[in-house]
């Protein structure tokens, strides 16, 4: 069972989400909610248009291009909103600042665990990781949904991530800000923590006996 000392001792790798874990997704959400207000739309409309539903799922599994994605999801609103709305054209991560505290904590965790990145994302994530080698180099394996044609909560993308690390799923722990993804991980025998903050992650790892001496609370 998740949480038992015997199972926890098997953990050799952490599989980390990017958006909402390494980035502050609430910043982009607030920006989109502001645009909803400008257009007299219900709060959450633009977030839903851009980051959920069929168009987003097709784009984030590489079945339509980023250009087609924007034509369907964002272009209808572009002329009605400030130019800054265009930052979402390439993908949400251009609007989400990196959480540097989490970057530092991941660097500490890497001393003990193998790290992998598994993200539902467009190809903008490859560009961002290229611009931040200090983040990219944390990970032994990088899995981006648009490149592999799979996306969470499909358990196959988690199984693929573990396989790329040559590990069984029960040797991995998923850190993800979406409960639906952590629930799927646990259903296939992978431990999981639903992320809320780097401090909360540190506390949960410590409670499970998975935070070694020296890997203290991030700061």
Protein backbone atom coordinates (compact mmCIF):
# COMPACT_ATOMS: atom_id res chain seq x y z
CA UNK A 1 0.00 0.00 0.00
CA UNK A 2 1.18 3.57 -0.61
CA UNK A 3 2.56 4.97 2.59
CA UNK A 4 3.94 1.67 3.97
CA UNK A 5 7.64 1.74 4.94
CA UNK A 6 8.36 -1.41 2.93
CA UNK A 7 6.98 0.16 -0.28
CA UNK A 8 8.57 3.55 0.32
CA UNK A 9 12.03 2.00 0.61
CA UNK A 10 11.76 0.98 -3.05
CA UNK A 11 11.51 4.53 -4.37
CA UNK A 12 14.45 5.26 -6.65
CA UNK A 13 13.06 8.00 -8.89
CA UNK A 14 10.76 10.99 -8.76
CA UNK A 15 8.68 11.81 -11.84
CA UNK A 16 7.88 15.52 -11.78
CA UNK A 17 5.28 17.50 -13.66
CA UNK A 18 6.35 20.90 -15.03
CA UNK A 19 3.37 23.29 -15.13
CA UNK A 20 2.09 24.04 -11.66
CA UNK A 21 5.12 22.35 -10.08
CA UNK A 22 8.09 24.16 -11.56
CA UNK A 23 5.95 27.09 -12.65
CA UNK A 24 3.44 29.34 -10.93
CA UNK A 25 0.33 28.46 -12.91
CA UNK A 26 -1.81 30.82 -10.83
CA UNK A 27 -0.10 33.77 -12.55
CA UNK A 28 -1.30 32.68 -16.00
CA UNK A 29 -4.72 31.80 -14.61
CA UNK A 30 -5.11 35.29 -13.14
CA UNK A 31 -4.15 36.83 -16.46
CA UNK A 32 -6.74 34.76 -18.31
CA UNK A 33 -9.41 35.53 -15.73
CA UNK A 34 -8.71 39.21 -16.33
CA UNK A 35 -9.25 38.72 -20.04
CA UNK A 36 -12.53 36.93 -19.27
CA UNK A 37 -13.64 40.07 -17.45
CA UNK A 38 -12.68 42.30 -20.38
CA UNK A 39 -14.82 40.18 -22.69
CA UNK A 40 -17.69 39.79 -20.19
CA UNK A 41 -17.18 36.03 -20.23
CA UNK A 42 -17.72 33.71 -17.26
CA UNK A 43 -14.56 33.32 -15.20
CA UNK A 44 -12.54 30.38 -16.51
CA UNK A 45 -13.81 30.56 -20.10
CA UNK A 46 -10.48 31.35 -21.75
CA UNK A 47 -8.58 28.95 -19.54
CA UNK A 48 -10.97 26.22 -20.62
CA UNK A 49 -10.74 27.19 -24.29
CA UNK A 50 -6.95 27.18 -24.27
CA UNK A 51 -6.11 24.34 -21.90
CA UNK A 52 -8.86 21.76 -21.98
CA UNK A 53 -11.17 20.10 -24.46
CA UNK A 54 -10.58 18.47 -27.83
CA UNK A 55 -8.37 21.16 -29.38
CA UNK A 56 -5.97 21.21 -26.45
CA UNK A 57 -5.86 17.42 -26.28
CA UNK A 58 -5.06 17.17 -29.99
CA UNK A 59 -2.32 19.79 -29.75
CA UNK A 60 -0.79 18.41 -26.58
CA UNK A 61 -0.49 14.97 -28.15
CA UNK A 62 1.03 16.32 -31.36
CA UNK A 63 -1.94 15.51 -33.57
CA UNK A 64 -2.40 19.12 -34.66
CA UNK A 65 0.25 21.81 -34.96
CA UNK A 66 0.64 24.73 -32.58
CA UNK A 67 -0.57 26.97 -35.40
CA UNK A 68 -3.79 25.03 -35.89
CA UNK A 69 -4.26 24.92 -32.12
CA UNK A 70 -4.09 28.71 -31.93
CA UNK A 71 -6.41 29.21 -34.90
CA UNK A 72 -9.05 27.16 -33.12
CA UNK A 73 -8.51 28.13 -29.49
CA UNK A 74 -6.97 31.58 -29.32
CA UNK A 75 -7.27 33.46 -32.61
CA UNK A 76 -11.01 34.20 -32.22
CA UNK A 77 -10.15 36.31 -29.15
CA UNK A 78 -6.82 37.81 -30.19
CA UNK A 79 -8.16 40.94 -31.92
CA UNK A 80 -10.40 41.66 -28.94
CA UNK A 81 -7.69 41.60 -26.29
CA UNK A 82 -4.43 43.40 -25.48
CA UNK A 83 -1.36 42.29 -27.43
CA UNK A 84 -0.05 40.52 -24.32
CA UNK A 85 -2.66 37.82 -24.88
CA UNK A 86 -0.48 36.60 -27.73
CA UNK A 87 2.01 35.15 -25.24
CA UNK A 88 -0.32 32.16 -25.00
CA UNK A 89 0.10 31.43 -28.72
CA UNK A 90 3.23 29.35 -28.14
CA UNK A 91 1.93 27.68 -25.00
CA UNK A 92 1.09 28.55 -21.45
CA UNK A 93 4.60 28.31 -20.02
CA UNK A 94 5.57 31.69 -21.47
CA UNK A 95 2.99 33.18 -19.10
CA UNK A 96 3.96 31.15 -16.04
CA UNK A 97 7.07 32.29 -14.14
CA UNK A 98 9.43 29.60 -12.93
CA UNK A 99 9.32 28.82 -9.21
CA UNK A 100 13.01 29.13 -8.37
CA UNK A 101 12.46 27.65 -4.92
CA UNK A 102 11.26 24.43 -6.53
CA UNK A 103 14.26 24.42 -8.86
CA UNK A 104 16.60 24.60 -5.86
CA UNK A 105 14.68 21.86 -4.05
CA UNK A 106 14.79 19.58 -7.10
CA UNK A 107 18.54 20.10 -7.24
CA UNK A 108 18.76 18.85 -3.64
CA UNK A 109 16.49 15.88 -4.38
CA UNK A 110 18.66 14.89 -7.33
CA UNK A 111 21.46 14.01 -4.90
CA UNK A 112 19.33 11.09 -3.70
CA UNK A 113 16.84 10.28 -6.46
CA UNK A 114 16.88 9.94 -10.21
CA UNK A 115 14.56 12.58 -11.66
CA UNK A 116 12.33 12.53 -14.71
CA UNK A 117 10.05 15.17 -16.18
CA UNK A 118 6.63 14.18 -17.51
CA UNK A 119 4.45 17.02 -18.77
CA UNK A 120 1.32 17.58 -20.82
CA UNK A 121 2.72 20.32 -23.02
CA UNK A 122 3.22 21.77 -26.46
CA UNK A 123 6.67 22.07 -28.00
CA UNK A 124 7.22 25.39 -26.22
CA UNK A 125 8.43 23.34 -23.27
CA UNK A 126 11.42 22.13 -25.28
CA UNK A 127 12.31 25.77 -25.97
CA UNK A 128 11.98 26.76 -22.33
CA UNK A 129 14.13 23.85 -21.18
CA UNK A 130 16.69 24.86 -23.80
CA UNK A 131 16.76 28.34 -22.31
CA UNK A 132 17.08 26.94 -18.77
CA UNK A 133 19.77 24.23 -18.87
CA UNK A 134 19.90 24.38 -15.07
CA UNK A 135 16.37 22.94 -15.11
CA UNK A 136 16.81 20.62 -18.10
CA UNK A 137 19.93 19.04 -16.65
CA UNK A 138 18.09 18.02 -13.50
CA UNK A 139 16.34 15.27 -15.43
CA UNK A 140 17.61 11.96 -16.66
CA UNK A 141 14.49 11.56 -18.82
CA UNK A 142 12.20 14.24 -20.30
CA UNK A 143 8.77 13.18 -21.57
CA UNK A 144 6.64 15.83 -23.32
CA UNK A 145 3.17 14.76 -24.37
CA UNK A 146 3.28 16.51 -27.77
CA UNK A 147 6.40 14.52 -28.66
CA UNK A 148 5.27 11.07 -27.48
CA UNK A 149 1.59 11.27 -28.46
CA UNK A 150 0.36 10.44 -24.96
CA UNK A 151 -0.88 12.67 -22.16
CA UNK A 152 -1.84 12.32 -18.55
CA UNK A 153 -4.11 10.96 -17.14
CA UNK A 154 -3.44 8.14 -19.61
CA UNK A 155 -1.36 5.77 -17.46
CA UNK A 156 0.66 4.77 -20.53
CA UNK A 157 2.67 8.00 -20.37
CA UNK A 158 3.66 7.26 -16.78
CA UNK A 159 4.57 3.70 -17.69
CA UNK A 160 6.62 5.04 -20.60
CA UNK A 161 8.47 7.44 -18.30
CA UNK A 162 9.34 4.63 -15.90
CA UNK A 163 10.40 2.39 -18.79
CA UNK A 164 12.69 5.10 -20.19
CA UNK A 165 14.40 5.07 -16.78
CA UNK A 166 14.54 1.24 -16.84
CA UNK A 167 12.53 1.14 -13.62
CA UNK A 168 9.29 -0.57 -12.59
CA UNK A 169 6.43 1.80 -11.78
CA UNK A 170 6.57 0.92 -8.09
CA UNK A 171 10.10 2.31 -7.91
CA UNK A 172 8.84 5.74 -8.96
CA UNK A 173 6.85 8.48 -7.26
CA UNK A 174 4.85 11.01 -9.28
CA UNK A 175 4.68 14.66 -8.20
CA UNK A 176 1.85 16.40 -10.05
CA UNK A 177 -0.52 19.27 -9.29
CA UNK A 178 -3.56 17.49 -10.79
CA UNK A 179 -5.32 14.99 -8.49
CA UNK A 180 -6.62 13.08 -11.51
CA UNK A 181 -3.03 12.34 -12.52
CA UNK A 182 -1.86 11.27 -9.07
CA UNK A 183 -4.93 9.04 -8.75
CA UNK A 184 -4.05 7.28 -12.00
CA UNK A 185 -0.45 6.85 -10.87
CA UNK A 186 -1.57 5.18 -7.66
CA UNK A 187 -3.95 2.95 -9.61
CA UNK A 188 -1.01 1.45 -11.52
CA UNK A 189 1.08 0.95 -8.40
CA UNK A 190 3.12 4.15 -8.53
CA UNK A 191 3.30 6.30 -5.42
CA UNK A 192 2.17 9.89 -5.90
CA UNK A 193 1.94 13.25 -4.18
CA UNK A 194 -0.46 15.96 -5.30
CA UNK A 195 1.68 19.09 -5.38
CA UNK A 196 0.60 22.36 -3.76
CA UNK A 197 3.94 23.95 -2.88
CA UNK A 198 7.58 22.99 -2.53
CA UNK A 199 7.21 23.26 1.26
CA UNK A 200 4.23 20.90 1.24
CA UNK A 201 6.13 18.47 -1.02
CA UNK A 202 9.08 18.47 1.38
CA UNK A 203 6.77 17.82 4.32
CA UNK A 204 5.04 14.90 2.58
CA UNK A 205 8.32 13.33 1.48
CA UNK A 206 9.61 13.65 5.03
CA UNK A 207 6.43 12.09 6.44
CA UNK A 208 6.97 9.09 4.16
CA UNK A 209 10.60 8.78 5.19
CA UNK A 210 11.74 9.84 1.72
CA UNK A 211 13.53 13.08 2.55
CA UNK A 212 17.13 12.22 3.38
CA UNK A 213 19.19 14.13 5.91
CA UNK A 214 20.50 17.26 4.25
CA UNK A 215 17.54 17.61 1.87
CA UNK A 216 15.65 19.95 4.14
CA UNK A 217 12.68 22.16 3.53
CA UNK A 218 13.21 24.39 0.50
CA UNK A 219 13.96 28.03 1.01
